[in-house]
Amino acid sequence: MGYHTVVRTRRIAFRVHLKRYGVATFGPRAATTLERRQFVQSMEGMGERLRTLRKLHDLTQRELAGLAGVSLSLISKVEAGQRPGTWDLAIGVARALHVDAVALLGQSAEISGGDGRIAAALPGLRRSMAMYDFPPDSPDVPRPIAALADAVELAAAHRAAARYVQLGEALPSLIVELTQAAHGATSADQERAFWLLAVAYRCADALAFKVGEMDLSTTAIDRIRWAAERSGDPLMVGTAAYVRGQTYLVTGAFDSGLRALTAASAGIERQAAANPRAAAVYGALHMRAAVLAARGHKADEAWSHIEIAKAMSAVVGDDVEWYYTSFGPSNVRIHEVAVAVELGDEREALARAGDWIPSNAIPAERISHHLIDLARAQLWAADYPGALDSLLQARRVAPQHTRNHPMAVETARTLLHREQRRTDTAVGLATWLGIKI
């Protein structure tokens, strides 16, 4: 029996095993999203889930490491509970075993679906993005561009503050109205409408990504690119490429992502030296490239991108929110810690973080992300009180973002297993995150 036949036979046996216990598989013939989430919710701890999936496929740790393109040491440590999992591991194993990555991330139904009001907004959001080239024929006239710009500004503020419920309630009708305006306007107003539409689609991507609706996120990212190309603004096109980098991160296509970001940054490189706004977009592209390189285990390349981003932050000067993207010295430092964490180097992450406290002027979502990364490094360094405190700070700063972040959940779950004595605070946080105690 050939290798591919063996793997295929194991996959079929795996699906039969799941169906026998009333659980839907994660392939194209899967039943409902709820059933998939119930299966994910039923498994506790990434190490336990990894071991379960591996044994169902009748694979040794060494065989799975080879199929997933990760180290044997990493799989061994995660299964033993000595190290929390990573996106890199989840994606590699998911692709090797042909299961959904959330089966390894362990998001609960509440975390995957988010608040009921967010879930209620998703069908309307899908419809609004489906009609991107043929808006509905409505007698209602869109608001003036200035009023639409104000509405987009408010939506962007919701995104930056991780207020996903409010964002979900506002976006569907706003995207429809912007689509009508973009197709019905003329000259400069039309380009402005497409520019605003690109920002609205970006808000839609943020919402979809944070609640685990990856297909909707992918659609939103494609719409951002589509609208940006019609905005008449090269820097918005560069921003669209920055956002698209997220797709490469999630799918594990790190090399392709690095090439795409390099191509996008080349288009604005000359402007970056003298134009602070171009420098901000150029620097953001290199920050995202740094994370891609880190996840691809290219440490030297990752730190090289960070150095370029640092140079661009000097051109910009202060922390800014241009093109609805955070950039400046603070966000570069946040990415320094993130890169070290992605490389699995807790000492470097903690050294780069130091005793720095992010300013309240930085978007809440960015601060929360930093604190979750910091908590992961502290956990690896056996600083359990520090890790718990960082997660609690993340919850205070951006509760919806923290509750929907898989690494916050995984870190909190690991903390519960590592602490010799479970504190009421740790148990309370875990319960709030939807972790079964």
Protein backbone atom coordinates (compact mmCIF):
# COMPACT_ATOMS: atom_id res chain seq x y z
CA MET A 1 0.00 0.00 0.00
CA GLY A 2 1.46 3.39 -1.05
CA TYR A 3 2.06 6.28 1.32
CA HIS A 4 -0.79 8.45 0.00
CA THR A 5 -3.18 5.49 0.17
CA VAL A 6 -2.19 4.93 3.80
CA VAL A 7 -2.77 8.59 4.68
CA ARG A 8 -6.10 8.62 2.83
CA THR A 9 -7.21 5.44 4.62
CA ARG A 10 -6.31 6.98 7.96
CA ARG A 11 -8.29 10.11 7.15
CA ILE A 12 -11.37 8.08 6.24
CA ALA A 13 -11.02 6.07 9.46
CA PHE A 14 -10.71 9.31 11.40
CA ARG A 15 -13.91 10.72 9.91
CA VAL A 16 -15.76 7.46 10.57
CA HIS A 17 -14.55 7.61 14.18
CA LEU A 18 -15.90 11.14 14.60
CA LYS A 19 -19.24 10.34 12.99
CA ARG A 20 -19.60 7.31 15.24
CA TYR A 21 -19.62 9.68 18.19
CA GLY A 22 -21.90 12.20 16.56
CA VAL A 23 -19.24 14.76 15.66
CA ALA A 24 -19.07 16.48 12.28
CA THR A 25 -15.80 16.55 10.36
CA PHE A 26 -14.13 19.77 9.24
CA GLY A 27 -13.97 19.14 5.51
CA PRO A 28 -16.18 20.61 2.78
CA ARG A 29 -18.94 18.15 3.70
CA ALA A 30 -19.02 19.27 7.32
CA ALA A 31 -22.44 19.76 8.84
CA THR A 32 -22.91 23.05 10.62
CA THR A 33 -20.61 25.62 12.14
CA LEU A 34 -22.22 24.92 15.50
CA GLU A 35 -21.36 21.21 15.29
CA ARG A 36 -17.76 22.01 14.45
CA ARG A 37 -17.57 24.40 17.37
CA GLN A 38 -19.12 21.85 19.73
CA PHE A 39 -16.40 19.38 18.76
CA VAL A 40 -13.72 21.99 19.38
CA GLN A 41 -15.28 22.94 22.71
CA SER A 42 -15.27 19.30 23.85
CA MET A 43 -11.46 19.06 23.83
CA GLU A 44 -9.34 20.57 26.60
CA GLY A 45 -5.77 21.76 26.28
CA MET A 46 -3.84 21.98 23.04
CA GLY A 47 -1.44 19.22 24.08
CA GLU A 48 -4.32 16.88 24.77
CA ARG A 49 -6.04 17.76 21.50
CA LEU A 50 -2.82 17.33 19.55
CA ARG A 51 -2.18 13.92 21.09
CA THR A 52 -5.78 12.82 20.40
CA LEU A 53 -5.65 13.81 16.73
CA ARG A 54 -2.23 12.23 16.25
CA LYS A 55 -3.32 8.91 17.74
CA LEU A 56 -6.52 8.86 15.72
CA HIS A 57 -4.34 9.13 12.63
CA ASP A 58 -2.06 6.37 13.97
CA LEU A 59 1.02 8.55 13.72
CA THR A 60 4.08 8.78 15.93
CA GLN A 61 5.27 12.17 17.10
CA ARG A 62 8.18 11.93 14.66
CA GLU A 63 5.87 11.11 11.73
CA LEU A 64 3.53 13.99 12.55
CA ALA A 65 6.46 16.39 12.90
CA GLY A 66 7.64 15.42 9.42
CA LEU A 67 4.17 15.82 7.86
CA ALA A 68 3.52 19.16 9.61
CA GLY A 69 6.99 20.62 8.97
CA VAL A 70 7.65 21.33 12.65
CA SER A 71 10.25 20.03 15.10
CA LEU A 72 9.82 16.78 16.99
CA SER A 73 10.84 18.64 20.14
CA LEU A 74 7.97 21.13 19.78
CA ILE A 75 5.32 18.43 19.37
CA SER A 76 6.77 16.48 22.29
CA LYS A 77 6.77 19.52 24.59
CA VAL A 78 3.26 20.64 23.62
CA GLU A 79 1.81 17.17 24.15
CA ALA A 80 3.55 16.96 27.53
CA GLY A 81 2.12 20.34 28.56
CA GLN A 82 5.61 21.84 28.83
CA ARG A 83 4.96 24.47 26.15
CA PRO A 84 1.79 26.10 24.82
CA GLY A 85 1.03 25.68 21.15
CA THR A 86 1.47 28.29 18.43
CA TRP A 87 -0.31 29.32 15.26
CA ASP A 88 2.58 27.80 13.32
CA LEU A 89 2.06 24.42 14.95
CA ALA A 90 -1.73 24.54 14.65
CA ILE A 91 -1.59 25.42 10.95
CA GLY A 92 1.09 22.85 10.16
CA VAL A 93 -0.75 20.01 11.89
CA ALA A 94 -4.13 21.09 10.51
CA ARG A 95 -2.80 21.04 6.95
CA ALA A 96 -1.06 17.69 7.50
CA LEU A 97 -4.15 16.00 8.95
CA HIS A 98 -6.72 17.92 6.88
CA VAL A 99 -8.64 19.25 9.84
CA ASP A 100 -9.65 22.78 10.76
CA ALA A 101 -7.00 24.66 12.73
CA VAL A 102 -9.55 25.61 15.40
CA ALA A 103 -9.55 21.93 16.40
CA LEU A 104 -6.09 22.59 17.79
CA LEU A 105 -6.65 26.13 19.02
CA GLY A 106 -9.55 24.96 21.14
CA GLN A 107 -11.85 27.94 20.74
CA SER A 108 -15.14 27.45 22.52
CA ALA A 109 -18.48 28.07 20.87
CA GLU A 110 -18.71 31.37 22.72
CA ILE A 111 -15.21 32.45 21.69
CA SER A 112 -15.57 31.36 18.07
CA GLY A 113 -18.98 32.89 17.60
CA GLY A 114 -18.58 35.85 19.89
CA ASP A 115 -21.46 37.75 21.41
CA GLY A 116 -24.90 36.86 20.05
CA ARG A 117 -25.24 40.35 18.64
CA ILE A 118 -22.04 39.90 16.66
CA ALA A 119 -23.25 36.57 15.28
CA ALA A 120 -26.54 38.23 14.31
CA ALA A 121 -24.66 40.83 12.26
CA LEU A 122 -22.65 38.34 10.20
CA PRO A 123 -25.34 37.37 7.61
CA GLY A 124 -25.93 41.04 6.82
CA LEU A 125 -22.21 41.61 6.55
CA ARG A 126 -21.91 38.74 4.07
CA ARG A 127 -24.75 40.15 1.98
CA SER A 128 -23.27 43.64 1.95
CA MET A 129 -19.92 42.35 0.67
CA ALA A 130 -21.53 40.04 -1.89
CA MET A 131 -23.07 43.01 -3.71
CA TYR A 132 -19.77 44.90 -4.05
CA ASP A 133 -20.05 45.25 -7.86
CA PHE A 134 -23.86 45.43 -8.12
CA PRO A 135 -25.30 47.47 -5.24
CA PRO A 136 -29.05 47.20 -4.58
CA ASP A 137 -31.35 49.38 -6.66
CA SER A 138 -32.75 51.60 -3.95
CA PRO A 139 -34.64 54.91 -4.09
CA ASP A 140 -32.70 56.04 -1.02
CA VAL A 141 -29.91 58.45 -1.87
CA PRO A 142 -26.62 57.84 -0.01
CA ARG A 143 -25.53 60.50 2.44
CA PRO A 144 -22.97 63.09 1.28
CA ILE A 145 -19.36 61.95 1.23
CA ALA A 146 -18.54 64.06 4.30
CA ALA A 147 -21.25 62.33 6.34
CA LEU A 148 -20.13 58.91 5.13
CA ALA A 149 -16.57 59.78 6.11
CA ASP A 150 -17.78 60.54 9.64
CA ALA A 151 -19.58 57.19 9.80
CA VAL A 152 -16.46 55.37 8.62
CA GLU A 153 -14.40 57.23 11.23
CA LEU A 154 -16.76 56.00 13.95
CA ALA A 155 -16.59 52.42 12.65
CA ALA A 156 -12.79 52.60 12.61
CA ALA A 157 -12.84 53.87 16.19
CA HIS A 158 -14.95 50.85 17.19
CA ARG A 159 -12.42 48.57 15.50
CA ALA A 160 -9.42 50.19 17.19
CA ALA A 161 -11.11 49.98 20.60
CA ALA A 162 -12.18 46.35 19.96
CA ARG A 163 -15.87 47.27 20.34
CA TYR A 164 -16.99 44.45 18.07
CA VAL A 165 -20.67 44.50 19.01
CA GLN A 166 -21.06 48.13 17.97
CA LEU A 167 -18.98 47.51 14.87
CA GLY A 168 -21.14 44.56 13.84
CA GLU A 169 -24.29 46.58 14.26
CA ALA A 170 -23.04 49.49 12.16
CA LEU A 171 -21.13 47.85 9.30
CA PRO A 172 -23.65 46.05 7.05
CA SER A 173 -25.78 49.10 6.23
CA LEU A 174 -22.72 51.37 6.05
CA ILE A 175 -21.01 49.12 3.49
CA VAL A 176 -24.18 49.02 1.36
CA GLU A 177 -24.46 52.81 1.45
CA LEU A 178 -20.78 53.27 0.59
CA THR A 179 -21.10 50.80 -2.27
CA GLN A 180 -24.02 52.76 -3.70
CA ALA A 181 -22.09 56.00 -3.31
CA ALA A 182 -18.96 54.60 -4.97
CA HIS A 183 -20.82 53.30 -7.99
CA GLY A 184 -23.02 56.37 -8.31
CA ALA A 185 -20.52 59.16 -7.73
CA THR A 186 -18.33 60.90 -10.27
CA SER A 187 -14.67 61.98 -10.45
CA ALA A 188 -13.04 62.86 -7.12
CA ASP A 189 -16.09 61.88 -5.06
CA GLN A 190 -15.99 58.40 -6.54
CA GLU A 191 -12.34 57.86 -5.62
CA ARG A 192 -13.05 59.17 -2.14
CA ALA A 193 -16.01 56.79 -1.81
CA PHE A 194 -13.88 53.82 -2.83
CA TRP A 195 -11.21 54.95 -0.34
CA LEU A 196 -13.79 55.00 2.45
CA LEU A 197 -15.19 51.67 1.27
CA ALA A 198 -11.72 50.11 1.58
CA VAL A 199 -11.62 51.27 5.20
CA ALA A 200 -15.09 49.86 5.88
CA TYR A 201 -14.08 46.52 4.39
CA ARG A 202 -11.04 46.59 6.65
CA CYS A 203 -13.30 46.98 9.65
CA ALA A 204 -15.30 44.01 8.37
CA ASP A 205 -12.13 41.95 8.13
CA ALA A 206 -11.16 42.82 11.70
CA LEU A 207 -14.56 41.75 12.99
CA ALA A 208 -14.64 38.50 11.00
CA PHE A 209 -11.08 37.56 11.93
CA LYS A 210 -11.54 38.19 15.64
CA VAL A 211 -14.60 35.91 15.85
CA GLY A 212 -13.00 33.12 13.80
CA GLU A 213 -15.02 33.55 10.57
CA MET A 214 -11.99 33.02 8.34
CA ASP A 215 -13.89 32.66 5.05
CA LEU A 216 -15.60 35.99 5.67
CA SER A 217 -12.26 37.55 6.61
CA THR A 218 -10.71 36.33 3.35
CA THR A 219 -13.60 37.83 1.37
CA ALA A 220 -13.22 41.15 3.19
CA ILE A 221 -9.48 41.26 2.45
CA ASP A 222 -10.14 40.72 -1.25
CA ARG A 223 -12.70 43.54 -1.18
CA ILE A 224 -10.18 45.86 0.52
CA ARG A 225 -7.75 45.31 -2.35
CA TRP A 226 -10.54 45.78 -4.92
CA ALA A 227 -11.68 49.10 -3.42
CA ALA A 228 -8.13 50.35 -2.79
CA GLU A 229 -7.21 49.89 -6.44
CA ARG A 230 -10.08 52.23 -7.33
CA SER A 231 -9.25 54.85 -4.71
CA GLY A 232 -6.51 56.56 -6.72
CA ASP A 233 -4.22 56.38 -3.68
CA PRO A 234 -1.03 54.26 -3.88
CA LEU A 235 -0.68 54.34 -0.11
CA MET A 236 -4.13 52.82 0.32
CA VAL A 237 -3.05 50.08 -2.10
CA GLY A 238 0.00 49.53 0.10
CA THR A 239 -2.23 49.41 3.17
CA ALA A 240 -4.38 46.78 1.46
CA ALA A 241 -1.25 44.68 0.94
CA TYR A 242 -0.42 45.07 4.62
CA VAL A 243 -3.86 43.75 5.59
CA ARG A 244 -3.59 40.92 3.09
CA GLY A 245 -0.45 39.80 4.92
CA GLN A 246 -2.82 38.47 7.57
CA THR A 247 -4.05 35.82 5.13
CA TYR A 248 -0.53 34.53 4.62
CA LEU A 249 -0.05 34.36 8.39
CA VAL A 250 -3.21 32.37 8.97
CA THR A 251 -2.67 29.93 6.10
CA GLY A 252 1.03 29.40 6.78
CA ALA A 253 2.08 30.66 3.33
CA PHE A 254 4.97 32.59 4.84
CA ASP A 255 7.32 32.70 1.82
CA SER A 256 4.55 33.84 -0.54
CA GLY A 257 3.53 36.47 1.97
CA LEU A 258 7.06 37.80 2.23
CA ARG A 259 7.30 38.12 -1.55
CA ALA A 260 3.95 39.91 -1.71
CA LEU A 261 4.92 42.39 1.01
CA THR A 262 8.30 43.00 -0.61
CA ALA A 263 6.58 43.81 -3.90
CA ALA A 264 4.13 46.15 -2.18
CA SER A 265 6.85 47.99 -0.25
CA ALA A 266 8.94 48.43 -3.41
CA GLY A 267 6.10 50.48 -4.89
CA ILE A 268 6.34 53.18 -2.20
CA GLU A 269 10.01 52.90 -1.17
CA ARG A 270 11.09 56.16 -2.83
CA GLN A 271 8.31 58.15 -1.16
CA ALA A 272 9.10 56.73 2.29
CA ALA A 273 12.34 58.66 2.78
CA ALA A 274 10.68 62.08 2.61
CA ASN A 275 6.94 61.53 3.08
CA PRO A 276 5.98 60.61 6.68
CA ARG A 277 2.69 59.03 5.59
CA ALA A 278 4.47 56.86 3.04
CA ALA A 279 7.06 56.01 5.70
CA ALA A 280 4.27 54.86 8.02
CA VAL A 281 2.78 52.53 5.39
CA TYR A 282 6.24 51.32 4.36
CA GLY A 283 7.16 50.67 7.99
CA ALA A 284 3.90 48.82 8.64
CA LEU A 285 4.61 46.53 5.67
CA HIS A 286 7.99 45.68 7.18
CA MET A 287 6.46 45.06 10.62
CA ARG A 288 4.10 42.51 9.12
CA ALA A 289 6.94 41.00 7.09
CA ALA A 290 8.90 40.61 10.35
CA VAL A 291 6.13 38.50 11.87
CA LEU A 292 5.83 36.41 8.69
CA ALA A 293 9.58 35.79 8.70
CA ALA A 294 9.48 34.86 12.39
CA ARG A 295 6.72 32.33 11.84
CA GLY A 296 8.75 30.93 8.97
CA HIS A 297 11.70 30.46 11.39
CA LYS A 298 13.80 33.12 9.60
CA ALA A 299 15.16 34.97 12.61
CA ASP A 300 17.76 37.10 10.82
CA GLU A 301 15.26 38.22 8.20
CA ALA A 302 12.65 38.98 10.85
CA TRP A 303 14.98 41.25 12.82
CA SER A 304 16.13 42.91 9.60
CA HIS A 305 12.53 43.91 8.85
CA ILE A 306 12.20 45.23 12.40
CA GLU A 307 15.26 47.45 11.92
CA ILE A 308 13.74 48.93 8.75
CA ALA A 309 10.51 49.57 10.62
CA LYS A 310 12.50 51.31 13.37
CA ALA A 311 14.12 53.57 10.79
CA MET A 312 10.70 54.46 9.39
CA SER A 313 9.40 55.24 12.88
CA ALA A 314 12.21 57.81 13.16
CA VAL A 315 10.95 59.44 9.95
CA VAL A 316 7.40 59.51 11.29
CA GLY A 317 8.44 60.67 14.76
CA ASP A 318 5.49 60.01 17.06
CA ASP A 319 2.87 57.27 17.19
CA VAL A 320 0.29 57.90 14.48
CA GLU A 321 -2.93 56.40 13.15
CA TRP A 322 -2.61 57.07 9.44
CA TYR A 323 -4.60 54.98 7.00
CA TYR A 324 -6.27 53.52 10.07
CA THR A 325 -3.05 51.66 10.87
CA SER A 326 -1.04 52.15 14.03
CA PHE A 327 2.58 53.01 13.39
CA GLY A 328 5.40 54.63 15.30
CA PRO A 329 7.93 53.80 18.01
CA SER A 330 5.35 52.11 20.25
CA ASN A 331 3.93 49.79 17.61
CA VAL A 332 7.43 48.86 16.44
CA ARG A 333 8.27 47.89 20.01
CA ILE A 334 5.08 45.83 20.22
CA HIS A 335 6.20 43.99 17.09
CA GLU A 336 9.68 43.45 18.52
CA VAL A 337 8.12 41.50 21.38
CA ALA A 338 5.76 39.71 18.99
CA VAL A 339 8.64 38.60 16.75
CA ALA A 340 10.59 37.24 19.73
CA VAL A 341 7.50 35.33 20.88
CA GLU A 342 6.91 33.91 17.39
CA LEU A 343 10.53 32.74 17.40
CA GLY A 344 9.92 31.05 20.76
CA ASP A 345 12.56 33.17 22.49
CA GLU A 346 11.06 34.24 25.80
CA ARG A 347 14.29 35.83 27.05
CA GLU A 348 14.48 38.11 24.02
CA ALA A 349 10.78 38.92 24.29
CA LEU A 350 11.06 39.89 27.95
CA ALA A 351 14.25 41.87 27.32
CA ARG A 352 12.62 43.80 24.47
CA ALA A 353 9.52 44.45 26.57
CA GLY A 354 11.53 45.58 29.60
CA ASP A 355 9.43 47.66 31.96
CA TRP A 356 7.80 49.55 29.10
CA ILE A 357 4.15 50.46 29.59
CA PRO A 358 2.20 51.27 26.39
CA SER A 359 0.59 54.68 26.30
CA ASN A 360 -3.19 54.91 26.50
CA ALA A 361 -3.00 56.78 23.20
CA ILE A 362 -2.24 53.47 21.45
CA PRO A 363 -5.37 51.63 20.21
CA ALA A 364 -6.73 49.25 22.84
CA GLU A 365 -6.54 46.29 20.48
CA ARG A 366 -2.79 46.83 19.95
CA ILE A 367 -2.15 47.08 23.70
CA SER A 368 -4.18 43.95 24.35
CA HIS A 369 -2.26 42.03 21.69
CA HIS A 370 1.03 43.11 23.24
CA LEU A 371 -0.06 42.07 26.72
CA ILE A 372 -1.13 38.63 25.44
CA ASP A 373 2.26 38.17 23.76
CA LEU A 374 3.96 39.28 26.97
CA ALA A 375 1.88 36.78 28.96
CA ARG A 376 3.02 33.97 26.67
CA ALA A 377 6.68 34.88 27.21
CA GLN A 378 6.17 35.14 30.97
CA LEU A 379 4.49 31.75 30.99
CA TRP A 380 7.44 30.16 29.19
CA ALA A 381 9.77 31.81 31.72
CA ALA A 382 7.70 30.28 34.56
CA ASP A 383 6.61 33.75 35.73
CA TYR A 384 3.05 32.61 36.34
CA PRO A 385 1.90 35.61 38.42
CA GLY A 386 3.28 37.93 35.74
CA ALA A 387 1.51 36.04 32.97
CA LEU A 388 -1.79 36.15 34.84
CA ASP A 389 -1.40 39.87 35.52
CA SER A 390 -0.69 40.56 31.83
CA LEU A 391 -3.83 38.67 30.79
CA LEU A 392 -5.90 40.58 33.35
CA GLN A 393 -4.53 43.86 32.02
CA ALA A 394 -5.40 42.77 28.47
CA ARG A 395 -8.96 42.07 29.61
CA ARG A 396 -9.25 45.49 31.22
CA VAL A 397 -7.92 47.27 28.14
CA ALA A 398 -9.86 45.41 25.43
CA PRO A 399 -12.21 42.77 26.83
CA GLN A 400 -13.82 41.72 23.54
CA HIS A 401 -10.46 41.38 21.80
CA THR A 402 -8.96 39.39 24.67
CA ARG A 403 -11.95 37.07 24.93
CA ASN A 404 -11.75 36.29 21.22
CA HIS A 405 -7.97 35.79 21.09
CA PRO A 406 -6.98 32.09 20.88
CA MET A 407 -3.58 32.66 22.48
CA ALA A 408 -5.19 34.37 25.49
CA VAL A 409 -7.34 31.29 25.94
CA GLU A 410 -4.45 28.89 25.45
CA THR A 411 -2.18 30.81 27.83
CA ALA A 412 -4.86 30.96 30.53
CA ARG A 413 -5.57 27.25 30.13
CA THR A 414 -1.88 26.39 30.48
CA LEU A 415 -1.60 28.63 33.54
CA LEU A 416 -4.32 26.61 35.25
CA HIS A 417 -2.37 23.41 34.62
CA ARG A 418 0.97 24.87 35.70
CA GLU A 419 -0.06 26.61 38.93
CA GLN A 420 0.27 24.33 41.92
CA ARG A 421 -2.50 26.21 43.65
CA ARG A 422 -5.28 27.64 41.54
CA THR A 423 -6.14 31.13 42.67
CA ASP A 424 -9.66 32.51 42.52
CA THR A 425 -8.36 35.18 40.14
CA ALA A 426 -6.97 32.61 37.67
CA VAL A 427 -10.12 30.52 37.83
CA GLY A 428 -12.27 33.61 37.34
CA LEU A 429 -10.31 34.65 34.26
CA ALA A 430 -10.49 31.14 32.81
CA THR A 431 -14.23 31.02 33.37
CA TRP A 432 -14.65 34.42 31.73
CA LEU A 433 -12.66 33.15 28.72
CA GLY A 434 -15.02 30.19 28.38
CA ILE A 435 -12.52 27.56 29.56
CA LYS A 436 -14.06 24.53 31.24
CA ILE A 437 -12.56 24.11 34.69
